[in-house]
Structure formats: C-alpha cells, structure tokens
Amino acid sequence: MKELVEILAKALVDQPEKVTVDKIEKEKTIILQLKVAPEDMGKVIGKHGRIARAIRSVVKAAATRHKKKVLVEIVK
C-alpha cells in the first residue's frame, strides 16, 4: 500500500525525491501520510481534490485484499 501511494505521487510531481509516505498502523486501520514539496501540493490534490480522491480510490480498492481500512492523508 505504502509503495503504491509513493509510485502514484512520484509520477505526478516535479520533485519526486521529496515524496515520502509514512505508515501508521492501528487495529483495523492503516493511515498513510503523504508528504510532498510545497510547490507540488497542488499537483497531488488537483482541481477540487479530484486527484487526491482518485489516489484514495485506488488505495481503497487495493486495501480490500488486506481487509483493513486505509486512509490517505496529504500533509505538509
């Protein structure tokens, strides 16, 4: 899951070396915190949050195999 978010984000941004994904595991939930360069924040979020929603949808589909809820947070 973490690698999937990282690959998707690196494909979208101008500075892929600044992309990091932190994984926080809880009982039935995995939180993935995506950090990118401030200049690339808009590219990861997209107009009206469309790209962020698409990333979350892809991760949610991949998470059904693990039977856990996965949340993707975009943080500064």
PDB file of N, CA and C in Angstrom:
ATOM      1  N   MET A   1       0.822  -1.185   0.000  1.00  0.00           N
ATOM      2  CA  MET A   1       0.000   0.000   0.000  1.00  0.00           C
ATOM      3  C   MET A   1       0.873   1.259   0.000  1.00  0.00           C
ATOM      4  N   LYS A   2       1.844   1.280   0.881  1.00  0.00           N
ATOM      5  CA  LYS A   2       2.732   2.430   1.001  1.00  0.00           C
ATOM      6  C   LYS A   2       3.458   2.671  -0.322  1.00  0.00           C
ATOM      7  N   GLU A   3       3.932   1.594  -0.935  1.00  0.00           N
ATOM      8  CA  GLU A   3       4.656   1.705  -2.200  1.00  0.00           C
ATOM      9  C   GLU A   3       3.750   2.211  -3.311  1.00  0.00           C
ATOM     10  N   LEU A   4       2.496   1.786  -3.296  1.00  0.00           N
ATOM     11  CA  LEU A   4       1.536   2.217  -4.306  1.00  0.00           C
ATOM     12  C   LEU A   4       1.326   3.729  -4.253  1.00  0.00           C
ATOM     13  N   VAL A   5       1.127   4.269  -3.079  1.00  0.00           N
ATOM     14  CA  VAL A   5       0.936   5.714  -2.917  1.00  0.00           C
ATOM     15  C   VAL A   5       2.194   6.458  -3.352  1.00  0.00           C
ATOM     16  N   GLU A   6       3.345   5.909  -2.996  1.00  0.00           N
ATOM     17  CA  GLU A   6       4.611   6.544  -3.350  1.00  0.00           C
ATOM     18  C   GLU A   6       4.809   6.590  -4.869  1.00  0.00           C
ATOM     19  N   ILE A   7       4.513   5.499  -5.546  1.00  0.00           N
ATOM     20  CA  ILE A   7       4.652   5.444  -7.010  1.00  0.00           C
ATOM     21  C   ILE A   7       3.696   6.423  -7.679  1.00  0.00           C
ATOM     22  N   LEU A   8       2.455   6.454  -7.225  1.00  0.00           N
ATOM     23  CA  LEU A   8       1.472   7.371  -7.807  1.00  0.00           C
ATOM     24  C   LEU A   8       1.876   8.824  -7.612  1.00  0.00           C
ATOM     25  N   ALA A   9       2.320   9.169  -6.418  1.00  0.00           N
ATOM     26  CA  ALA A   9       2.701  10.553  -6.123  1.00  0.00           C
ATOM     27  C   ALA A   9       3.939  10.967  -6.908  1.00  0.00           C
ATOM     28  N   LYS A  10       4.924  10.088  -7.000  1.00  0.00           N
ATOM     29  CA  LYS A  10       6.154  10.424  -7.725  1.00  0.00           C
ATOM     30  C   LYS A  10       5.891  10.651  -9.205  1.00  0.00           C
ATOM     31  N   ALA A  11       4.888   9.977  -9.750  1.00  0.00           N
ATOM     32  CA  ALA A  11       4.542  10.158 -11.163  1.00  0.00           C
ATOM     33  C   ALA A  11       3.883  11.514 -11.414  1.00  0.00           C
ATOM     34  N   LEU A  12       3.320  12.117 -10.388  1.00  0.00           N
ATOM     35  CA  LEU A  12       2.582  13.373 -10.541  1.00  0.00           C
ATOM     36  C   LEU A  12       3.415  14.627 -10.316  1.00  0.00           C
ATOM     37  N   VAL A  13       4.449  14.544  -9.492  1.00  0.00           N
ATOM     38  CA  VAL A  13       5.154  15.743  -9.033  1.00  0.00           C
ATOM     39  C   VAL A  13       6.402  16.060  -9.855  1.00  0.00           C
ATOM     40  N   ASP A  14       6.905  17.292  -9.675  1.00  0.00           N
ATOM     41  CA  ASP A  14       8.140  17.720 -10.335  1.00  0.00           C
ATOM     42  C   ASP A  14       9.380  17.330  -9.533  1.00  0.00           C
ATOM     43  N   GLN A  15       9.216  17.158  -8.223  1.00  0.00           N
ATOM     44  CA  GLN A  15      10.346  16.818  -7.348  1.00  0.00           C
ATOM     45  C   GLN A  15      10.082  15.462  -6.669  1.00  0.00           C
ATOM     46  N   PRO A  16      10.231  14.366  -7.408  1.00  0.00           N
ATOM     47  CA  PRO A  16       9.910  13.046  -6.830  1.00  0.00           C
ATOM     48  C   PRO A  16      10.808  12.638  -5.666  1.00  0.00           C
ATOM     49  N   GLU A  17      11.994  13.236  -5.565  1.00  0.00           N
ATOM     50  CA  GLU A  17      12.887  12.885  -4.458  1.00  0.00           C
ATOM     51  C   GLU A  17      12.376  13.391  -3.115  1.00  0.00           C
ATOM     52  N   LYS A  18      11.446  14.338  -3.122  1.00  0.00           N
ATOM     53  CA  LYS A  18      10.899  14.885  -1.876  1.00  0.00           C
ATOM     54  C   LYS A  18       9.601  14.206  -1.437  1.00  0.00           C
ATOM     55  N   VAL A  19       9.192  13.167  -2.153  1.00  0.00           N
ATOM     56  CA  VAL A  19       7.969  12.442  -1.804  1.00  0.00           C
ATOM     57  C   VAL A  19       8.295  11.416  -0.717  1.00  0.00           C
ATOM     58  N   THR A  20       7.551  11.476   0.378  1.00  0.00           N
ATOM     59  CA  THR A  20       7.681  10.478   1.441  1.00  0.00           C
ATOM     60  C   THR A  20       6.303  10.020   1.881  1.00  0.00           C
ATOM     61  N   VAL A  21       6.236   8.762   2.271  1.00  0.00           N
ATOM     62  CA  VAL A  21       4.983   8.207   2.765  1.00  0.00           C
ATOM     63  C   VAL A  21       5.272   7.533   4.097  1.00  0.00           C
ATOM     64  N   ASP A  22       4.585   7.974   5.143  1.00  0.00           N
ATOM     65  CA  ASP A  22       4.718   7.380   6.476  1.00  0.00           C
ATOM     66  C   ASP A  22       3.504   6.507   6.741  1.00  0.00           C
ATOM     67  N   LYS A  23       3.754   5.325   7.299  1.00  0.00           N
ATOM     68  CA  LYS A  23       2.681   4.365   7.555  1.00  0.00           C
ATOM     69  C   LYS A  23       2.444   4.252   9.052  1.00  0.00           C
ATOM     70  N   ILE A  24       1.196   4.452   9.462  1.00  0.00           N
ATOM     71  CA  ILE A  24       0.800   4.325  10.863  1.00  0.00           C
ATOM     72  C   ILE A  24      -0.251   3.217  10.925  1.00  0.00           C
ATOM     73  N   GLU A  25       0.061   2.154  11.646  1.00  0.00           N
ATOM     74  CA  GLU A  25      -0.871   1.025  11.730  1.00  0.00           C
ATOM     75  C   GLU A  25      -1.605   1.021  13.053  1.00  0.00           C
ATOM     76  N   LYS A  26      -2.905   0.815  12.964  1.00  0.00           N
ATOM     77  CA  LYS A  26      -3.739   0.642  14.150  1.00  0.00           C
ATOM     78  C   LYS A  26      -4.431  -0.712  13.994  1.00  0.00           C
ATOM     79  N   GLU A  27      -5.369  -1.028  14.849  1.00  0.00           N
ATOM     80  CA  GLU A  27      -6.009  -2.341  14.815  1.00  0.00           C
ATOM     81  C   GLU A  27      -6.583  -2.694  13.452  1.00  0.00           C
ATOM     82  N   LYS A  28      -7.557  -1.942  13.009  1.00  0.00           N
ATOM     83  CA  LYS A  28      -8.203  -2.245  11.741  1.00  0.00           C
ATOM     84  C   LYS A  28      -7.996  -1.153  10.700  1.00  0.00           C
ATOM     85  N   THR A  29      -7.097  -0.236  10.977  1.00  0.00           N
ATOM     86  CA  THR A  29      -6.889   0.910  10.094  1.00  0.00           C
ATOM     87  C   THR A  29      -5.407   1.123   9.830  1.00  0.00           C
ATOM     88  N   ILE A  30      -5.098   1.487   8.598  1.00  0.00           N
ATOM     89  CA  ILE A  30      -3.751   1.891   8.225  1.00  0.00           C
ATOM     90  C   ILE A  30      -3.852   3.328   7.728  1.00  0.00           C
ATOM     91  N   ILE A  31      -3.041   4.213   8.297  1.00  0.00           N
ATOM     92  CA  ILE A  31      -3.019   5.608   7.863  1.00  0.00           C
ATOM     93  C   ILE A  31      -1.717   5.842   7.106  1.00  0.00           C
ATOM     94  N   LEU A  32      -1.839   6.311   5.881  1.00  0.00           N
ATOM     95  CA  LEU A  32      -0.682   6.634   5.064  1.00  0.00           C
ATOM     96  C   LEU A  32      -0.606   8.152   4.929  1.00  0.00           C
ATOM     97  N   GLN A  33       0.469   8.732   5.449  1.00  0.00           N
ATOM     98  CA  GLN A  33       0.647  10.180   5.388  1.00  0.00           C
ATOM     99  C   GLN A  33       1.593  10.513   4.247  1.00  0.00           C
ATOM    100  N   LEU A  34       1.080  11.191   3.249  1.00  0.00           N
ATOM    101  CA  LEU A  34       1.841  11.564   2.058  1.00  0.00           C
ATOM    102  C   LEU A  34       2.374  12.974   2.222  1.00  0.00           C
ATOM    103  N   LYS A  35       3.697  13.111   2.071  1.00  0.00           N
ATOM    104  CA  LYS A  35       4.328  14.432   2.140  1.00  0.00           C
ATOM    105  C   LYS A  35       5.037  14.693   0.826  1.00  0.00           C
ATOM    106  N   VAL A  36       4.813  15.897   0.270  1.00  0.00           N
ATOM    107  CA  VAL A  36       5.469  16.310  -0.966  1.00  0.00           C
ATOM    108  C   VAL A  36       6.020  17.719  -0.777  1.00  0.00           C
ATOM    109  N   ALA A  37       6.808  18.165  -1.746  1.00  0.00           N
ATOM    110  CA  ALA A  37       7.327  19.535  -1.696  1.00  0.00           C
ATOM    111  C   ALA A  37       6.151  20.512  -1.761  1.00  0.00           C
ATOM    112  N   PRO A  38       6.263  21.661  -1.091  1.00  0.00           N
ATOM    113  CA  PRO A  38       5.152  22.633  -1.100  1.00  0.00           C
ATOM    114  C   PRO A  38       4.719  23.050  -2.506  1.00  0.00           C
ATOM    115  N   GLU A  39       5.664  23.122  -3.440  1.00  0.00           N
ATOM    116  CA  GLU A  39       5.327  23.523  -4.812  1.00  0.00           C
ATOM    117  C   GLU A  39       4.496  22.450  -5.531  1.00  0.00           C
ATOM    118  N   ASP A  40       4.601  21.202  -5.092  1.00  0.00           N
ATOM    119  CA  ASP A  40       3.898  20.093  -5.744  1.00  0.00           C
ATOM    120  C   ASP A  40       2.569  19.748  -5.081  1.00  0.00           C
ATOM    121  N   MET A  41       2.220  20.435  -4.025  1.00  0.00           N
ATOM    122  CA  MET A  41       0.999  20.125  -3.287  1.00  0.00           C
ATOM    123  C   MET A  41      -0.239  20.193  -4.186  1.00  0.00           C
ATOM    124  N   GLY A  42      -0.314  21.216  -5.024  1.00  0.00           N
ATOM    125  CA  GLY A  42      -1.463  21.371  -5.915  1.00  0.00           C
ATOM    126  C   GLY A  42      -1.575  20.254  -6.930  1.00  0.00           C
ATOM    127  N   LYS A  43      -0.450  19.723  -7.366  1.00  0.00           N
ATOM    128  CA  LYS A  43      -0.466  18.640  -8.346  1.00  0.00           C
ATOM    129  C   LYS A  43      -0.974  17.343  -7.743  1.00  0.00           C
ATOM    130  N   VAL A  44      -0.721  17.136  -6.461  1.00  0.00           N
ATOM    131  CA  VAL A  44      -1.176  15.921  -5.797  1.00  0.00           C
ATOM    132  C   VAL A  44      -2.654  16.032  -5.416  1.00  0.00           C
ATOM    133  N   ILE A  45      -3.098  17.238  -5.091  1.00  0.00           N
ATOM    134  CA  ILE A  45      -4.500  17.434  -4.713  1.00  0.00           C
ATOM    135  C   ILE A  45      -5.389  17.562  -5.946  1.00  0.00           C
ATOM    136  N   GLY A  46      -4.968  18.339  -6.927  1.00  0.00           N
ATOM    137  CA  GLY A  46      -5.749  18.516  -8.148  1.00  0.00           C
ATOM    138  C   GLY A  46      -6.874  19.508  -7.973  1.00  0.00           C
ATOM    139  N   LYS A  47      -7.513  19.833  -9.086  1.00  0.00           N
ATOM    140  CA  LYS A  47      -8.643  20.770  -9.043  1.00  0.00           C
ATOM    141  C   LYS A  47      -9.795  20.134  -8.278  1.00  0.00           C
ATOM    142  N   HIS A  48     -10.266  20.842  -7.288  1.00  0.00           N
ATOM    143  CA  HIS A  48     -11.384  20.406  -6.441  1.00  0.00           C
ATOM    144  C   HIS A  48     -11.101  19.061  -5.776  1.00  0.00           C
ATOM    145  N   GLY A  49      -9.817  18.706  -5.622  1.00  0.00           N
ATOM    146  CA  GLY A  49      -9.457  17.469  -4.936  1.00  0.00           C
ATOM    147  C   GLY A  49      -9.642  16.208  -5.753  1.00  0.00           C
ATOM    148  N   ARG A  50      -9.753  16.331  -7.055  1.00  0.00           N
ATOM    149  CA  ARG A  50     -10.029  15.160  -7.903  1.00  0.00           C
ATOM    150  C   ARG A  50      -8.884  14.141  -7.887  1.00  0.00           C
ATOM    151  N   ILE A  51      -7.648  14.606  -7.960  1.00  0.00           N
ATOM    152  CA  ILE A  51      -6.518  13.677  -7.987  1.00  0.00           C
ATOM    153  C   ILE A  51      -6.363  12.997  -6.634  1.00  0.00           C
ATOM    154  N   ALA A  52      -6.531  13.750  -5.565  1.00  0.00           N
ATOM    155  CA  ALA A  52      -6.467  13.159  -4.222  1.00  0.00           C
ATOM    156  C   ALA A  52      -7.547  12.096  -4.060  1.00  0.00           C
ATOM    157  N   ARG A  53      -8.747  12.366  -4.551  1.00  0.00           N
ATOM    158  CA  ARG A  53      -9.839  11.390  -4.485  1.00  0.00           C
ATOM    159  C   ARG A  53      -9.511  10.142  -5.296  1.00  0.00           C
ATOM    160  N   ALA A  54      -8.880  10.336  -6.455  1.00  0.00           N
ATOM    161  CA  ALA A  54      -8.516   9.202  -7.304  1.00  0.00           C
ATOM    162  C   ALA A  54      -7.455   8.334  -6.624  1.00  0.00           C
ATOM    163  N   ILE A  55      -6.471   8.972  -6.001  1.00  0.00           N
ATOM    164  CA  ILE A  55      -5.446   8.217  -5.273  1.00  0.00           C
ATOM    165  C   ILE A  55      -6.090   7.413  -4.152  1.00  0.00           C
ATOM    166  N   ARG A  56      -6.995   8.039  -3.419  1.00  0.00           N
ATOM    167  CA  ARG A  56      -7.679   7.341  -2.316  1.00  0.00           C
ATOM    168  C   ARG A  56      -8.514   6.172  -2.829  1.00  0.00           C
ATOM    169  N   SER A  57      -9.142   6.344  -3.983  1.00  0.00           N
ATOM    170  CA  SER A  57      -9.955   5.264  -4.554  1.00  0.00           C
ATOM    171  C   SER A  57      -9.105   4.067  -4.951  1.00  0.00           C
ATOM    172  N   VAL A  58      -7.964   4.316  -5.563  1.00  0.00           N
ATOM    173  CA  VAL A  58      -7.069   3.232  -5.971  1.00  0.00           C
ATOM    174  C   VAL A  58      -6.550   2.487  -4.746  1.00  0.00           C
ATOM    175  N   VAL A  59      -6.165   3.230  -3.721  1.00  0.00           N
ATOM    176  CA  VAL A  59      -5.650   2.609  -2.498  1.00  0.00           C
ATOM    177  C   VAL A  59      -6.752   1.829  -1.792  1.00  0.00           C
ATOM    178  N   LYS A  60      -7.953   2.363  -1.789  1.00  0.00           N
ATOM    179  CA  LYS A  60      -9.073   1.669  -1.147  1.00  0.00           C
ATOM    180  C   LYS A  60      -9.362   0.350  -1.851  1.00  0.00           C
ATOM    181  N   ALA A  61      -9.286   0.346  -3.180  1.00  0.00           N
ATOM    182  CA  ALA A  61      -9.508  -0.883  -3.934  1.00  0.00           C
ATOM    183  C   ALA A  61      -8.416  -1.914  -3.627  1.00  0.00           C
ATOM    184  N   ALA A  62      -7.184  -1.455  -3.515  1.00  0.00           N
ATOM    185  CA  ALA A  62      -6.079  -2.360  -3.198  1.00  0.00           C
ATOM    186  C   ALA A  62      -6.163  -2.867  -1.759  1.00  0.00           C
ATOM    187  N   ALA A  63      -6.777  -2.100  -0.875  1.00  0.00           N
ATOM    188  CA  ALA A  63      -6.846  -2.464   0.544  1.00  0.00           C
ATOM    189  C   ALA A  63      -7.877  -3.549   0.831  1.00  0.00           C
ATOM    190  N   THR A  64      -8.785  -3.793  -0.088  1.00  0.00           N
ATOM    191  CA  THR A  64      -9.812  -4.801   0.171  1.00  0.00           C
ATOM    192  C   THR A  64      -9.203  -6.185   0.360  1.00  0.00           C
ATOM    193  N   ARG A  65      -8.045  -6.436  -0.212  1.00  0.00           N
ATOM    194  CA  ARG A  65      -7.370  -7.724  -0.033  1.00  0.00           C
ATOM    195  C   ARG A  65      -6.927  -7.932   1.408  1.00  0.00           C
ATOM    196  N   HIS A  66      -6.513  -6.860   2.067  1.00  0.00           N
ATOM    197  CA  HIS A  66      -5.976  -6.957   3.418  1.00  0.00           C
ATOM    198  C   HIS A  66      -7.050  -6.850   4.492  1.00  0.00           C
ATOM    199  N   LYS A  67      -8.273  -6.604   4.076  1.00  0.00           N
ATOM    200  CA  LYS A  67      -9.408  -6.486   4.999  1.00  0.00           C
ATOM    201  C   LYS A  67      -9.170  -5.446   6.089  1.00  0.00           C
ATOM    202  N   LYS A  68      -8.525  -4.355   5.701  1.00  0.00           N
ATOM    203  CA  LYS A  68      -8.305  -3.237   6.608  1.00  0.00           C
ATOM    204  C   LYS A  68      -8.741  -1.962   5.914  1.00  0.00           C
ATOM    205  N   LYS A  69      -9.073  -0.973   6.712  1.00  0.00           N
ATOM    206  CA  LYS A  69      -9.422   0.334   6.174  1.00  0.00           C
ATOM    207  C   LYS A  69      -8.142   1.141   6.023  1.00  0.00           C
ATOM    208  N   VAL A  70      -7.948   1.737   4.857  1.00  0.00           N
ATOM    209  CA  VAL A  70      -6.737   2.518   4.603  1.00  0.00           C
ATOM    210  C   VAL A  70      -7.136   3.958   4.341  1.00  0.00           C
ATOM    211  N   LEU A  71      -6.515   4.881   5.077  1.00  0.00           N
ATOM    212  CA  LEU A  71      -6.746   6.307   4.906  1.00  0.00           C
ATOM    213  C   LEU A  71      -5.482   6.947   4.339  1.00  0.00           C
ATOM    214  N   VAL A  72      -5.647   7.801   3.340  1.00  0.00           N
ATOM    215  CA  VAL A  72      -4.517   8.531   2.772  1.00  0.00           C
ATOM    216  C   VAL A  72      -4.673   9.984   3.176  1.00  0.00           C
ATOM    217  N   GLU A  73      -3.692  10.491   3.913  1.00  0.00           N
ATOM    218  CA  GLU A  73      -3.691  11.894   4.333  1.00  0.00           C
ATOM    219  C   GLU A  73      -2.567  12.615   3.615  1.00  0.00           C
ATOM    220  N   ILE A  74      -2.867  13.778   3.080  1.00  0.00           N
ATOM    221  CA  ILE A  74      -1.839  14.603   2.453  1.00  0.00           C
ATOM    222  C   ILE A  74      -1.472  15.692   3.455  1.00  0.00           C
ATOM    223  N   VAL A  75      -0.240  15.658   3.932  1.00  0.00           N
ATOM    224  CA  VAL A  75       0.194  16.577   4.988  1.00  0.00           C
ATOM    225  C   VAL A  75       1.341  17.441   4.514  1.00  0.00           C
ATOM    226  N   LYS A  76       1.536  18.564   5.229  1.00  0.00           N
ATOM    227  CA  LYS A  76       2.639  19.472   4.897  1.00  0.00           C
ATOM    228  C   LYS A  76       3.915  18.995   5.536  1.00  0.00           C
TER     229      LYS A  76
END
